[in-house]
Amino acid sequence: MAFNSFMKIFQPKDRIFYSLFEEVVDTVYEMGELLKKLIVERERDKRFAILSEIENAEHKNDDITHRIYTELGRTFITPFDREDIHFLATALDDVADYIYASAKRMTFYNITNDDEGIIKLANLISFGVQELKTAVRGLRNMRDLQAMTTALVKINSIENQADDIYDLSVERLFDLEQDIKMLIKKREVYHAMETATDKCEDAGNAIETIIIKYS
C-alpha cells in the first residue's frame, strides 16, 4: 500500500474534513441510539422529549454538513476527490434525515413499541451507524483497511436484512392490521426506517470508493 504517497497529497489545513466527518458520524450514531430509546419508551411526553433530542441532533448535523460543503468550495487541495467528499457528506446527512423522519412519524402517529418490525429495523439502523462510525474514523489515516472493509461488508449485510424485514413486516401488516389508518402509518414508518439503512449503504459505498482510489 502506497500510504506515504497517499499522505503527501494532504496539507494540515485539509485535515478539517476528517474532523467534520467524524463529528457528523458521531451525531448520526447518537441519533440511532436515541431512536432505540424512543421505541422502548411508553410515556408519550417522554417520547416527545426524546424526539426533541433527535431533532436537535439532526439540526446539528445539518450545520456540520453545510460546513463540509463550505470547506469544499474554498479549499484548493482536498484529502480525496471532491465528488467523493460531497457524496459521503450527502449520504450521511440522508441517514440522519431518515432517522429523524422515522422518529417523528412514530411519535406523531402514536405508534406503540410492541411492533416487532419496527424494533428490528431500529436495531439494524443502530448497527449500521455503528459500523459507519468505524469506517469513517478509518479515513483519517487509512491504516486499518481490514477493519474498514469488515465494517462496509457488515453495512451491506444490514441493508439486505432490513429489506427482508421490511417486506415481511408489510406482509404481516396487511394480514393482521384491521385499522386502515394505522396500516398506512406503520407502513410509512417501515419505509422511512428501511430507507435509513439504504442511506447507510450509500455512505458505505462512498467510503469504499475512497479506499479503492487511495489505498
C-alpha atoms as a PDB file:
ATOM      1  CA  MET A   1       0.000   0.000   0.000  1.00  0.00           C
ATOM      2  CA  ALA A   2       1.443   3.350  -1.021  1.00  0.00           C
ATOM      3  CA  PHE A   3       0.478   5.034   2.235  1.00  0.00           C
ATOM      4  CA  ASN A   4       3.344   7.509   2.266  1.00  0.00           C
ATOM      5  CA  SER A   5       2.472   8.678  -1.218  1.00  0.00           C
ATOM      6  CA  PHE A   6      -1.155   8.994  -0.173  1.00  0.00           C
ATOM      7  CA  MET A   7      -0.238  11.242   2.758  1.00  0.00           C
ATOM      8  CA  LYS A   8       1.791  13.604   0.591  1.00  0.00           C
ATOM      9  CA  ILE A   9      -1.322  14.990  -1.042  1.00  0.00           C
ATOM     10  CA  PHE A  10      -2.550  16.402   2.284  1.00  0.00           C
ATOM     11  CA  GLN A  11      -1.935  19.779   3.781  1.00  0.00           C
ATOM     12  CA  PRO A  12      -2.607  20.292   7.526  1.00  0.00           C
ATOM     13  CA  LYS A  13      -5.452  22.644   6.641  1.00  0.00           C
ATOM     14  CA  ASP A  14      -7.270  19.878   4.813  1.00  0.00           C
ATOM     15  CA  ARG A  15      -7.497  17.668   7.889  1.00  0.00           C
ATOM     16  CA  ILE A  16     -10.606  19.641   8.802  1.00  0.00           C
ATOM     17  CA  PHE A  17     -12.574  17.252   6.595  1.00  0.00           C
ATOM     18  CA  TYR A  18     -11.630  14.290   8.797  1.00  0.00           C
ATOM     19  CA  SER A  19     -12.790  16.096  11.925  1.00  0.00           C
ATOM     20  CA  LEU A  20     -16.016  17.216  10.296  1.00  0.00           C
ATOM     21  CA  PHE A  21     -16.881  13.756   9.002  1.00  0.00           C
ATOM     22  CA  GLU A  22     -16.119  12.249  12.401  1.00  0.00           C
ATOM     23  CA  GLU A  23     -18.365  14.820  14.049  1.00  0.00           C
ATOM     24  CA  VAL A  24     -21.144  14.020  11.579  1.00  0.00           C
ATOM     25  CA  VAL A  25     -20.942  10.271  12.085  1.00  0.00           C
ATOM     26  CA  ASP A  26     -20.826  10.692  15.880  1.00  0.00           C
ATOM     27  CA  THR A  27     -24.029  12.727  15.660  1.00  0.00           C
ATOM     28  CA  VAL A  28     -25.692  10.144  13.426  1.00  0.00           C
ATOM     29  CA  TYR A  29     -24.654   7.404  15.857  1.00  0.00           C
ATOM     30  CA  GLU A  30     -26.210   9.389  18.715  1.00  0.00           C
ATOM     31  CA  MET A  31     -29.433   9.663  16.728  1.00  0.00           C
ATOM     32  CA  GLY A  32     -29.502   5.905  16.177  1.00  0.00           C
ATOM     33  CA  GLU A  33     -29.181   5.293  19.917  1.00  0.00           C
ATOM     34  CA  LEU A  34     -31.907   7.838  20.663  1.00  0.00           C
ATOM     35  CA  LEU A  35     -34.193   6.114  18.147  1.00  0.00           C
ATOM     36  CA  LYS A  36     -33.880   2.846  20.068  1.00  0.00           C
ATOM     37  CA  LYS A  37     -34.568   4.715  23.284  1.00  0.00           C
ATOM     38  CA  LEU A  38     -37.660   6.291  21.753  1.00  0.00           C
ATOM     39  CA  ILE A  39     -39.091   2.954  20.688  1.00  0.00           C
ATOM     40  CA  VAL A  40     -38.967   1.379  24.156  1.00  0.00           C
ATOM     41  CA  GLU A  41     -40.372   4.468  25.896  1.00  0.00           C
ATOM     42  CA  ARG A  42     -44.060   4.102  26.707  1.00  0.00           C
ATOM     43  CA  GLU A  43     -44.877   7.543  28.103  1.00  0.00           C
ATOM     44  CA  ARG A  44     -45.969   9.952  25.384  1.00  0.00           C
ATOM     45  CA  ASP A  45     -44.456  13.054  26.988  1.00  0.00           C
ATOM     46  CA  LYS A  46     -41.087  11.358  27.331  1.00  0.00           C
ATOM     47  CA  ARG A  47     -41.262  10.210  23.733  1.00  0.00           C
ATOM     48  CA  PHE A  48     -41.702  13.798  22.594  1.00  0.00           C
ATOM     49  CA  ALA A  49     -38.728  14.795  24.755  1.00  0.00           C
ATOM     50  CA  ILE A  50     -36.577  12.153  23.061  1.00  0.00           C
ATOM     51  CA  LEU A  51     -37.862  13.274  19.662  1.00  0.00           C
ATOM     52  CA  SER A  52     -36.728  16.792  20.544  1.00  0.00           C
ATOM     53  CA  GLU A  53     -33.225  15.441  21.243  1.00  0.00           C
ATOM     54  CA  ILE A  54     -33.219  13.679  17.875  1.00  0.00           C
ATOM     55  CA  GLU A  55     -34.398  16.852  16.140  1.00  0.00           C
ATOM     56  CA  ASN A  56     -31.639  18.889  17.785  1.00  0.00           C
ATOM     57  CA  ALA A  57     -29.059  16.325  16.679  1.00  0.00           C
ATOM     58  CA  GLU A  58     -30.431  16.431  13.139  1.00  0.00           C
ATOM     59  CA  HIS A  59     -30.129  20.231  13.067  1.00  0.00           C
ATOM     60  CA  LYS A  60     -26.579  19.970  14.401  1.00  0.00           C
ATOM     61  CA  ASN A  61     -25.787  17.502  11.640  1.00  0.00           C
ATOM     62  CA  ASP A  62     -27.225  19.879   9.024  1.00  0.00           C
ATOM     63  CA  ASP A  63     -24.901  22.613  10.274  1.00  0.00           C
ATOM     64  CA  ILE A  64     -21.828  20.375  10.119  1.00  0.00           C
ATOM     65  CA  THR A  65     -22.766  19.103   6.660  1.00  0.00           C
ATOM     66  CA  HIS A  66     -23.169  22.684   5.454  1.00  0.00           C
ATOM     67  CA  ARG A  67     -19.696  23.427   6.787  1.00  0.00           C
ATOM     68  CA  ILE A  68     -18.302  20.468   4.817  1.00  0.00           C
ATOM     69  CA  TYR A  69     -19.843  21.910   1.649  1.00  0.00           C
ATOM     70  CA  THR A  70     -18.431  25.338   2.505  1.00  0.00           C
ATOM     71  CA  GLU A  71     -14.939  23.977   3.127  1.00  0.00           C
ATOM     72  CA  LEU A  72     -15.182  22.014  -0.093  1.00  0.00           C
ATOM     73  CA  GLY A  73     -15.875  25.197  -2.018  1.00  0.00           C
ATOM     74  CA  ARG A  74     -12.978  27.181  -0.615  1.00  0.00           C
ATOM     75  CA  THR A  75     -10.278  24.515  -0.157  1.00  0.00           C
ATOM     76  CA  PHE A  76      -7.929  24.098  -3.103  1.00  0.00           C
ATOM     77  CA  ILE A  77      -6.421  20.744  -2.083  1.00  0.00           C
ATOM     78  CA  THR A  78      -8.788  18.174  -0.595  1.00  0.00           C
ATOM     79  CA  PRO A  79      -7.922  14.824   1.028  1.00  0.00           C
ATOM     80  CA  PHE A  80      -9.818  12.911  -1.658  1.00  0.00           C
ATOM     81  CA  ASP A  81     -11.874  13.688  -4.740  1.00  0.00           C
ATOM     82  CA  ARG A  82     -14.423  16.445  -4.304  1.00  0.00           C
ATOM     83  CA  GLU A  83     -17.263  14.340  -5.656  1.00  0.00           C
ATOM     84  CA  ASP A  84     -16.480  11.615  -3.106  1.00  0.00           C
ATOM     85  CA  ILE A  85     -16.474  14.130  -0.265  1.00  0.00           C
ATOM     86  CA  HIS A  86     -19.800  15.528  -1.462  1.00  0.00           C
ATOM     87  CA  PHE A  87     -21.320  12.068  -1.922  1.00  0.00           C
ATOM     88  CA  LEU A  88     -20.256  10.901   1.546  1.00  0.00           C
ATOM     89  CA  ALA A  89     -21.467  14.087   3.227  1.00  0.00           C
ATOM     90  CA  THR A  90     -24.829  13.870   1.453  1.00  0.00           C
ATOM     91  CA  ALA A  91     -25.294  10.176   2.279  1.00  0.00           C
ATOM     92  CA  LEU A  92     -24.527  10.703   5.975  1.00  0.00           C
ATOM     93  CA  ASP A  93     -26.922  13.644   6.041  1.00  0.00           C
ATOM     94  CA  ASP A  94     -29.582  11.440   4.459  1.00  0.00           C
ATOM     95  CA  VAL A  95     -29.109   8.816   7.176  1.00  0.00           C
ATOM     96  CA  ALA A  96     -29.751  11.496   9.794  1.00  0.00           C
ATOM     97  CA  ASP A  97     -32.795  12.797   7.899  1.00  0.00           C
ATOM     98  CA  TYR A  98     -34.431   9.377   7.725  1.00  0.00           C
ATOM     99  CA  ILE A  99     -33.713   8.548  11.356  1.00  0.00           C
ATOM    100  CA  TYR A 100     -35.416  11.803  12.297  1.00  0.00           C
ATOM    101  CA  ALA A 101     -38.299  11.103   9.897  1.00  0.00           C
ATOM    102  CA  SER A 102     -38.787   7.659  11.443  1.00  0.00           C
ATOM    103  CA  ALA A 103     -38.791   9.052  14.976  1.00  0.00           C
ATOM    104  CA  LYS A 104     -41.169  11.869  14.060  1.00  0.00           C
ATOM    105  CA  ARG A 105     -43.681   9.551  12.418  1.00  0.00           C
ATOM    106  CA  MET A 106     -43.611   7.089  15.312  1.00  0.00           C
ATOM    107  CA  THR A 107     -44.184   9.873  17.824  1.00  0.00           C
ATOM    108  CA  PHE A 108     -46.822  11.853  15.948  1.00  0.00           C
ATOM    109  CA  TYR A 109     -48.699   8.725  14.913  1.00  0.00           C
ATOM    110  CA  ASN A 110     -48.501   7.400  18.497  1.00  0.00           C
ATOM    111  CA  ILE A 111     -47.268   4.008  17.346  1.00  0.00           C
ATOM    112  CA  THR A 112     -46.668   1.739  20.328  1.00  0.00           C
ATOM    113  CA  ASN A 113     -43.415  -0.084  20.978  1.00  0.00           C
ATOM    114  CA  ASP A 114     -44.766  -3.601  20.516  1.00  0.00           C
ATOM    115  CA  ASP A 115     -44.250  -3.750  16.751  1.00  0.00           C
ATOM    116  CA  GLU A 116     -41.643  -6.414  16.013  1.00  0.00           C
ATOM    117  CA  GLY A 117     -40.701  -4.996  12.614  1.00  0.00           C
ATOM    118  CA  ILE A 118     -40.038  -1.521  13.988  1.00  0.00           C
ATOM    119  CA  ILE A 119     -37.920  -2.900  16.832  1.00  0.00           C
ATOM    120  CA  LYS A 120     -35.829  -4.991  14.432  1.00  0.00           C
ATOM    121  CA  LEU A 121     -35.363  -2.124  11.970  1.00  0.00           C
ATOM    122  CA  ALA A 122     -34.304   0.226  14.774  1.00  0.00           C
ATOM    123  CA  ASN A 123     -31.675  -2.269  15.896  1.00  0.00           C
ATOM    124  CA  LEU A 124     -30.390  -2.620  12.336  1.00  0.00           C
ATOM    125  CA  ILE A 125     -30.147   1.160  11.965  1.00  0.00           C
ATOM    126  CA  SER A 126     -28.153   1.280  15.191  1.00  0.00           C
ATOM    127  CA  PHE A 127     -25.827  -1.490  13.987  1.00  0.00           C
ATOM    128  CA  GLY A 128     -25.433   0.231  10.631  1.00  0.00           C
ATOM    129  CA  VAL A 129     -24.430   3.619  12.010  1.00  0.00           C
ATOM    130  CA  GLN A 130     -22.051   1.937  14.437  1.00  0.00           C
ATOM    131  CA  GLU A 131     -20.252   0.298  11.511  1.00  0.00           C
ATOM    132  CA  LEU A 132     -20.287   3.618   9.645  1.00  0.00           C
ATOM    133  CA  LYS A 133     -18.566   5.168  12.637  1.00  0.00           C
ATOM    134  CA  THR A 134     -15.764   2.604  12.358  1.00  0.00           C
ATOM    135  CA  ALA A 135     -15.405   3.142   8.611  1.00  0.00           C
ATOM    136  CA  VAL A 136     -15.441   6.943   8.741  1.00  0.00           C
ATOM    137  CA  ARG A 137     -12.895   7.099  11.551  1.00  0.00           C
ATOM    138  CA  GLY A 138     -10.617   4.885   9.488  1.00  0.00           C
ATOM    139  CA  LEU A 139     -10.406   7.538   6.780  1.00  0.00           C
ATOM    140  CA  ARG A 140      -8.087   9.737   8.831  1.00  0.00           C
ATOM    141  CA  ASN A 141      -5.019   7.527   8.332  1.00  0.00           C
ATOM    142  CA  MET A 142      -6.199   4.543   6.233  1.00  0.00           C
ATOM    143  CA  ARG A 143      -4.032   2.244   8.320  1.00  0.00           C
ATOM    144  CA  ASP A 144      -6.604  -0.356   9.295  1.00  0.00           C
ATOM    145  CA  LEU A 145      -8.172  -1.212   5.977  1.00  0.00           C
ATOM    146  CA  GLN A 146      -9.271  -4.612   7.267  1.00  0.00           C
ATOM    147  CA  ALA A 147     -11.449  -3.050   9.972  1.00  0.00           C
ATOM    148  CA  MET A 148     -12.879  -0.576   7.473  1.00  0.00           C
ATOM    149  CA  THR A 149     -13.615  -3.255   4.897  1.00  0.00           C
ATOM    150  CA  THR A 150     -15.218  -5.500   7.513  1.00  0.00           C
ATOM    151  CA  ALA A 151     -17.453  -2.615   8.583  1.00  0.00           C
ATOM    152  CA  LEU A 152     -18.508  -1.966   4.985  1.00  0.00           C
ATOM    153  CA  VAL A 153     -19.372  -5.634   4.446  1.00  0.00           C
ATOM    154  CA  LYS A 154     -21.499  -5.559   7.595  1.00  0.00           C
ATOM    155  CA  ILE A 155     -23.288  -2.414   6.412  1.00  0.00           C
ATOM    156  CA  ASN A 156     -24.196  -4.162   3.162  1.00  0.00           C
ATOM    157  CA  SER A 157     -25.462  -7.183   5.084  1.00  0.00           C
ATOM    158  CA  ILE A 158     -27.512  -4.972   7.395  1.00  0.00           C
ATOM    159  CA  GLU A 159     -29.181  -3.291   4.424  1.00  0.00           C
ATOM    160  CA  ASN A 160     -30.103  -6.701   2.987  1.00  0.00           C
ATOM    161  CA  GLN A 161     -31.556  -7.780   6.325  1.00  0.00           C
ATOM    162  CA  ALA A 162     -33.553  -4.561   6.532  1.00  0.00           C
ATOM    163  CA  ASP A 163     -35.022  -5.238   3.079  1.00  0.00           C
ATOM    164  CA  ASP A 164     -36.220  -8.658   4.245  1.00  0.00           C
ATOM    165  CA  ILE A 165     -37.650  -7.312   7.491  1.00  0.00           C
ATOM    166  CA  TYR A 166     -39.430  -4.532   5.634  1.00  0.00           C
ATOM    167  CA  ASP A 167     -41.041  -6.990   3.198  1.00  0.00           C
ATOM    168  CA  LEU A 168     -42.103  -9.383   5.964  1.00  0.00           C
ATOM    169  CA  SER A 169     -43.399  -6.558   8.146  1.00  0.00           C
ATOM    170  CA  VAL A 170     -45.527  -5.109   5.353  1.00  0.00           C
ATOM    171  CA  GLU A 171     -46.888  -8.544   4.535  1.00  0.00           C
ATOM    172  CA  ARG A 172     -47.774  -9.143   8.191  1.00  0.00           C
ATOM    173  CA  LEU A 173     -49.277  -5.676   8.421  1.00  0.00           C
ATOM    174  CA  PHE A 174     -51.685  -6.337   5.547  1.00  0.00           C
ATOM    175  CA  ASP A 175     -52.602  -9.696   7.038  1.00  0.00           C
ATOM    176  CA  LEU A 176     -53.234  -8.576  10.614  1.00  0.00           C
ATOM    177  CA  GLU A 177     -53.933  -4.840  10.825  1.00  0.00           C
ATOM    178  CA  GLN A 178     -57.654  -4.061  10.696  1.00  0.00           C
ATOM    179  CA  ASP A 179     -57.341  -0.294  11.075  1.00  0.00           C
ATOM    180  CA  ILE A 180     -56.569   1.123   7.622  1.00  0.00           C
ATOM    181  CA  LYS A 181     -55.237   4.382   9.084  1.00  0.00           C
ATOM    182  CA  MET A 182     -52.806   2.555  11.347  1.00  0.00           C
ATOM    183  CA  LEU A 183     -51.782   0.340   8.433  1.00  0.00           C
ATOM    184  CA  ILE A 184     -50.800   3.403   6.410  1.00  0.00           C
ATOM    185  CA  LYS A 185     -48.993   4.973   9.378  1.00  0.00           C
ATOM    186  CA  LYS A 186     -46.943   1.892  10.166  1.00  0.00           C
ATOM    187  CA  ARG A 187     -46.073   1.338   6.540  1.00  0.00           C
ATOM    188  CA  GLU A 188     -44.708   4.893   6.380  1.00  0.00           C
ATOM    189  CA  VAL A 189     -42.547   4.209   9.427  1.00  0.00           C
ATOM    190  CA  TYR A 190     -41.253   0.932   7.966  1.00  0.00           C
ATOM    191  CA  HIS A 191     -40.360   2.727   4.746  1.00  0.00           C
ATOM    192  CA  ALA A 192     -38.517   5.568   6.471  1.00  0.00           C
ATOM    193  CA  MET A 193     -36.535   3.141   8.629  1.00  0.00           C
ATOM    194  CA  GLU A 194     -35.632   0.853   5.742  1.00  0.00           C
ATOM    195  CA  THR A 195     -34.552   3.881   3.722  1.00  0.00           C
ATOM    196  CA  ALA A 196     -32.206   4.876   6.567  1.00  0.00           C
ATOM    197  CA  THR A 197     -30.374   1.573   6.071  1.00  0.00           C
ATOM    198  CA  ASP A 198     -30.252   2.235   2.314  1.00  0.00           C
ATOM    199  CA  LYS A 199     -28.529   5.535   3.024  1.00  0.00           C
ATOM    200  CA  CYS A 200     -26.069   3.785   5.343  1.00  0.00           C
ATOM    201  CA  GLU A 201     -25.166   1.584   2.398  1.00  0.00           C
ATOM    202  CA  ASP A 202     -24.779   4.671   0.166  1.00  0.00           C
ATOM    203  CA  ALA A 203     -22.329   6.152   2.678  1.00  0.00           C
ATOM    204  CA  GLY A 204     -20.506   2.837   2.811  1.00  0.00           C
ATOM    205  CA  ASN A 205     -20.234   2.806  -0.975  1.00  0.00           C
ATOM    206  CA  ALA A 206     -18.702   6.290  -0.898  1.00  0.00           C
ATOM    207  CA  ILE A 207     -16.103   5.125   1.620  1.00  0.00           C
ATOM    208  CA  GLU A 208     -15.383   2.019  -0.441  1.00  0.00           C
ATOM    209  CA  THR A 209     -14.736   4.221  -3.480  1.00  0.00           C
ATOM    210  CA  ILE A 210     -12.269   6.292  -1.451  1.00  0.00           C
ATOM    211  CA  ILE A 211     -10.476   3.176  -0.247  1.00  0.00           C
ATOM    212  CA  ILE A 212     -10.125   1.841  -3.783  1.00  0.00           C
ATOM    213  CA  LYS A 213      -8.718   5.134  -5.051  1.00  0.00           C
ATOM    214  CA  TYR A 214      -6.280   5.893  -2.256  1.00  0.00           C
ATOM    215  CA  SER A 215      -5.148   2.625  -0.665  1.00  0.00           C
END
